[in-house]
């Protein structure tokens, strides 16, 4: 599994409350992006930090829908052509 440097970096003024991994082979926290989005907390304020979803390289044949209540959500993949939704 490729770990993006962004997920390992500590940046001033960017607080991350939770990091989860999506991997269709079952080795991550979730097997679909929608499952990870659904698990994100609702109505978080700016002081609560980001909920980061790391999507492992692969082709994801799913329609990702993010409701307005999912605030401070960050989705990170392995790059163009590697993580395809």
N, C-alpha and C. Protein backbone atom coordinates (compact mmCIF):
# COMPACT_ATOMS: atom_id res chain seq x y z
N UNK A 1 0.84 -1.17 0.00
CA UNK A 1 0.00 0.00 0.00
C UNK A 1 0.89 1.24 0.00
N UNK A 2 0.54 2.17 -0.85
CA UNK A 2 1.27 3.42 -0.96
C UNK A 2 0.70 4.42 0.04
N UNK A 3 1.52 4.95 0.92
CA UNK A 3 1.05 5.96 1.87
C UNK A 3 1.47 7.33 1.37
N UNK A 4 0.49 8.17 1.12
CA UNK A 4 0.76 9.51 0.62
C UNK A 4 1.43 10.36 1.69
N UNK A 5 2.40 11.17 1.28
CA UNK A 5 3.11 12.03 2.23
C UNK A 5 2.17 13.02 2.90
N UNK A 6 1.12 13.44 2.19
CA UNK A 6 0.16 14.37 2.78
C UNK A 6 -0.45 13.80 4.05
N UNK A 7 -0.67 12.51 4.07
CA UNK A 7 -1.27 11.88 5.24
C UNK A 7 -0.30 11.79 6.40
N UNK A 8 0.99 11.85 6.12
CA UNK A 8 2.01 11.72 7.15
C UNK A 8 2.50 13.07 7.65
N UNK A 9 2.14 14.12 6.95
CA UNK A 9 2.67 15.45 7.24
C UNK A 9 1.84 16.16 8.30
N UNK A 10 2.52 16.83 9.19
CA UNK A 10 1.85 17.68 10.15
C UNK A 10 2.02 19.12 9.67
N UNK A 11 0.91 19.78 9.42
CA UNK A 11 0.94 21.14 8.90
C UNK A 11 0.31 22.05 9.94
N UNK A 12 0.97 23.16 10.21
CA UNK A 12 0.39 24.13 11.14
C UNK A 12 -0.97 24.58 10.62
N UNK A 13 -1.91 24.75 11.52
CA UNK A 13 -3.25 25.23 11.23
C UNK A 13 -4.14 24.22 10.51
N UNK A 14 -3.69 23.00 10.29
CA UNK A 14 -4.53 21.96 9.70
C UNK A 14 -4.64 20.83 10.71
N UNK A 15 -5.81 20.71 11.30
CA UNK A 15 -6.01 19.67 12.31
C UNK A 15 -6.77 18.51 11.68
N UNK A 16 -6.28 17.31 11.91
CA UNK A 16 -6.93 16.10 11.42
C UNK A 16 -7.41 15.31 12.63
N UNK A 17 -8.70 15.03 12.67
CA UNK A 17 -9.25 14.29 13.80
C UNK A 17 -9.23 12.79 13.58
N UNK A 18 -9.37 12.38 12.31
CA UNK A 18 -9.38 10.95 12.03
C UNK A 18 -8.94 10.70 10.60
N UNK A 19 -8.19 9.61 10.40
CA UNK A 19 -7.77 9.16 9.08
C UNK A 19 -8.28 7.75 8.88
N UNK A 20 -8.93 7.52 7.74
CA UNK A 20 -9.41 6.17 7.43
C UNK A 20 -8.91 5.78 6.05
N UNK A 21 -8.85 4.48 5.80
CA UNK A 21 -8.34 3.97 4.53
C UNK A 21 -9.43 3.17 3.83
N UNK A 22 -9.59 3.45 2.52
CA UNK A 22 -10.50 2.68 1.68
C UNK A 22 -9.65 1.78 0.80
N UNK A 23 -9.87 0.48 0.89
CA UNK A 23 -9.17 -0.48 0.05
C UNK A 23 -10.15 -1.61 -0.29
N UNK A 24 -10.42 -1.80 -1.59
CA UNK A 24 -11.42 -2.81 -1.96
C UNK A 24 -11.03 -4.24 -1.60
N UNK A 25 -9.76 -4.48 -1.28
CA UNK A 25 -9.36 -5.85 -0.92
C UNK A 25 -9.66 -6.19 0.55
N UNK A 26 -10.22 -5.21 1.28
CA UNK A 26 -10.61 -5.46 2.66
C UNK A 26 -9.54 -5.18 3.70
N UNK A 27 -8.35 -4.76 3.27
CA UNK A 27 -7.27 -4.52 4.23
C UNK A 27 -7.32 -3.13 4.86
N UNK A 28 -8.24 -2.27 4.42
CA UNK A 28 -8.38 -0.94 5.00
C UNK A 28 -9.52 -0.91 6.00
N UNK A 29 -9.92 0.31 6.35
CA UNK A 29 -11.04 0.49 7.27
C UNK A 29 -12.39 0.26 6.57
N UNK A 30 -12.43 0.55 5.27
CA UNK A 30 -13.65 0.41 4.47
C UNK A 30 -13.30 -0.17 3.11
N UNK A 31 -14.29 -0.78 2.44
CA UNK A 31 -14.04 -1.32 1.10
C UNK A 31 -14.61 -0.42 0.01
N UNK A 32 -15.48 0.53 0.37
CA UNK A 32 -15.99 1.50 -0.61
C UNK A 32 -15.82 2.91 -0.07
N UNK A 33 -15.78 3.85 -1.00
CA UNK A 33 -15.66 5.26 -0.63
C UNK A 33 -16.93 5.72 0.08
N UNK A 34 -18.08 5.28 -0.43
CA UNK A 34 -19.35 5.67 0.19
C UNK A 34 -19.46 5.22 1.64
N UNK A 35 -18.94 4.05 1.96
CA UNK A 35 -18.95 3.59 3.36
C UNK A 35 -18.13 4.54 4.23
N UNK A 36 -16.98 4.98 3.72
CA UNK A 36 -16.12 5.89 4.48
C UNK A 36 -16.79 7.26 4.65
N UNK A 37 -17.43 7.75 3.59
CA UNK A 37 -18.13 9.03 3.67
C UNK A 37 -19.29 8.94 4.67
N UNK A 38 -20.04 7.85 4.61
CA UNK A 38 -21.17 7.67 5.54
C UNK A 38 -20.71 7.63 6.99
N UNK A 39 -19.51 7.12 7.24
CA UNK A 39 -18.98 7.01 8.60
C UNK A 39 -18.46 8.34 9.14
N UNK A 40 -18.25 9.31 8.26
CA UNK A 40 -17.74 10.62 8.69
C UNK A 40 -18.78 11.31 9.57
N UNK A 41 -18.31 12.04 10.58
CA UNK A 41 -19.26 12.72 11.47
C UNK A 41 -20.02 13.83 10.73
N UNK A 42 -21.21 14.15 11.22
CA UNK A 42 -22.04 15.21 10.65
C UNK A 42 -21.83 16.51 11.39
N UNK A 43 -21.99 17.61 10.66
CA UNK A 43 -22.02 18.96 11.24
C UNK A 43 -20.85 19.25 12.17
N UNK A 44 -19.64 18.97 11.72
CA UNK A 44 -18.47 19.30 12.53
C UNK A 44 -18.08 20.74 12.27
N UNK A 45 -17.67 21.43 13.29
CA UNK A 45 -17.23 22.81 13.14
C UNK A 45 -15.79 22.87 12.69
N UNK A 46 -15.33 24.05 12.35
CA UNK A 46 -13.96 24.21 11.88
C UNK A 46 -12.94 23.88 12.96
N UNK A 47 -13.34 23.93 14.21
CA UNK A 47 -12.42 23.60 15.30
C UNK A 47 -12.25 22.09 15.50
N UNK A 48 -13.09 21.30 14.83
CA UNK A 48 -13.04 19.85 14.99
C UNK A 48 -12.03 19.17 14.09
N UNK A 49 -11.48 19.86 13.13
CA UNK A 49 -10.48 19.27 12.24
C UNK A 49 -11.10 18.48 11.10
N UNK A 50 -10.23 17.94 10.27
CA UNK A 50 -10.65 17.21 9.07
C UNK A 50 -10.78 15.72 9.34
N UNK A 51 -11.70 15.10 8.64
CA UNK A 51 -11.86 13.65 8.57
C UNK A 51 -11.26 13.29 7.21
N UNK A 52 -10.12 12.62 7.21
CA UNK A 52 -9.39 12.33 5.97
C UNK A 52 -9.66 10.90 5.53
N UNK A 53 -10.07 10.78 4.27
CA UNK A 53 -10.30 9.47 3.66
C UNK A 53 -9.21 9.25 2.63
N UNK A 54 -8.35 8.26 2.87
CA UNK A 54 -7.29 7.90 1.93
C UNK A 54 -7.81 6.75 1.08
N UNK A 55 -7.88 6.96 -0.24
CA UNK A 55 -8.39 5.97 -1.17
C UNK A 55 -7.21 5.34 -1.91
N UNK A 56 -6.97 4.07 -1.65
CA UNK A 56 -5.85 3.33 -2.24
C UNK A 56 -6.03 3.24 -3.75
N UNK A 57 -4.93 3.17 -4.49
CA UNK A 57 -4.97 3.08 -5.95
C UNK A 57 -5.91 1.97 -6.41
N UNK A 58 -6.65 2.26 -7.45
CA UNK A 58 -7.58 1.29 -8.02
C UNK A 58 -8.69 1.99 -8.76
N UNK A 59 -9.57 1.20 -9.36
CA UNK A 59 -10.73 1.74 -10.06
C UNK A 59 -11.96 1.48 -9.19
N UNK A 60 -12.65 2.54 -8.84
CA UNK A 60 -13.82 2.46 -7.97
C UNK A 60 -15.06 2.76 -8.80
N UNK A 61 -15.84 1.74 -9.08
CA UNK A 61 -17.06 1.89 -9.87
C UNK A 61 -18.22 2.18 -8.93
N UNK A 62 -18.25 3.40 -8.44
CA UNK A 62 -19.33 3.80 -7.54
C UNK A 62 -19.60 5.29 -7.73
N UNK A 63 -20.82 5.68 -7.47
CA UNK A 63 -21.22 7.08 -7.50
C UNK A 63 -21.09 7.58 -6.07
N UNK A 64 -20.18 8.52 -5.86
CA UNK A 64 -19.93 9.03 -4.51
C UNK A 64 -20.80 10.26 -4.28
N UNK A 65 -21.61 10.19 -3.26
CA UNK A 65 -22.50 11.28 -2.91
C UNK A 65 -22.15 11.77 -1.52
N UNK A 66 -21.91 13.07 -1.40
CA UNK A 66 -21.53 13.66 -0.11
C UNK A 66 -22.59 14.69 0.27
N UNK A 67 -23.28 14.46 1.37
CA UNK A 67 -24.33 15.38 1.80
C UNK A 67 -23.71 16.65 2.41
N UNK A 68 -24.51 17.69 2.47
CA UNK A 68 -24.04 18.96 3.02
C UNK A 68 -23.66 18.85 4.49
N UNK A 69 -24.20 17.85 5.17
CA UNK A 69 -23.89 17.70 6.60
C UNK A 69 -22.49 17.16 6.85
N UNK A 70 -21.83 16.67 5.80
CA UNK A 70 -20.46 16.15 5.92
C UNK A 70 -19.48 17.30 5.69
N UNK A 71 -19.15 17.99 6.75
CA UNK A 71 -18.25 19.14 6.67
C UNK A 71 -16.84 18.71 7.04
N UNK A 72 -15.85 19.45 6.57
CA UNK A 72 -14.44 19.19 6.88
C UNK A 72 -14.02 17.78 6.49
N UNK A 73 -14.40 17.39 5.30
CA UNK A 73 -14.09 16.07 4.76
C UNK A 73 -13.01 16.23 3.69
N UNK A 74 -11.97 15.43 3.76
CA UNK A 74 -10.89 15.48 2.77
C UNK A 74 -10.69 14.07 2.22
N UNK A 75 -10.72 13.97 0.88
CA UNK A 75 -10.50 12.68 0.23
C UNK A 75 -9.20 12.76 -0.55
N UNK A 76 -8.29 11.83 -0.29
CA UNK A 76 -6.97 11.82 -0.91
C UNK A 76 -6.75 10.47 -1.58
N UNK A 77 -6.28 10.50 -2.83
CA UNK A 77 -5.98 9.26 -3.55
C UNK A 77 -4.49 9.16 -3.83
N UNK A 78 -4.13 8.18 -4.65
CA UNK A 78 -2.73 7.96 -4.99
C UNK A 78 -2.29 8.71 -6.24
N UNK A 79 -3.16 9.53 -6.81
CA UNK A 79 -2.78 10.36 -7.94
C UNK A 79 -3.61 10.08 -9.19
N UNK A 80 -3.47 10.98 -10.15
CA UNK A 80 -4.19 10.87 -11.42
C UNK A 80 -3.80 9.57 -12.11
N UNK A 81 -4.82 8.85 -12.55
CA UNK A 81 -4.58 7.59 -13.24
C UNK A 81 -4.33 6.41 -12.32
N UNK A 82 -4.16 6.66 -11.04
CA UNK A 82 -3.93 5.57 -10.08
C UNK A 82 -5.17 5.31 -9.24
N UNK A 83 -5.80 6.37 -8.75
CA UNK A 83 -7.06 6.25 -8.03
C UNK A 83 -8.13 6.86 -8.92
N UNK A 84 -9.00 6.00 -9.46
CA UNK A 84 -10.01 6.43 -10.43
C UNK A 84 -11.39 6.15 -9.85
N UNK A 85 -12.21 7.20 -9.79
CA UNK A 85 -13.57 7.05 -9.27
C UNK A 85 -14.55 7.26 -10.40
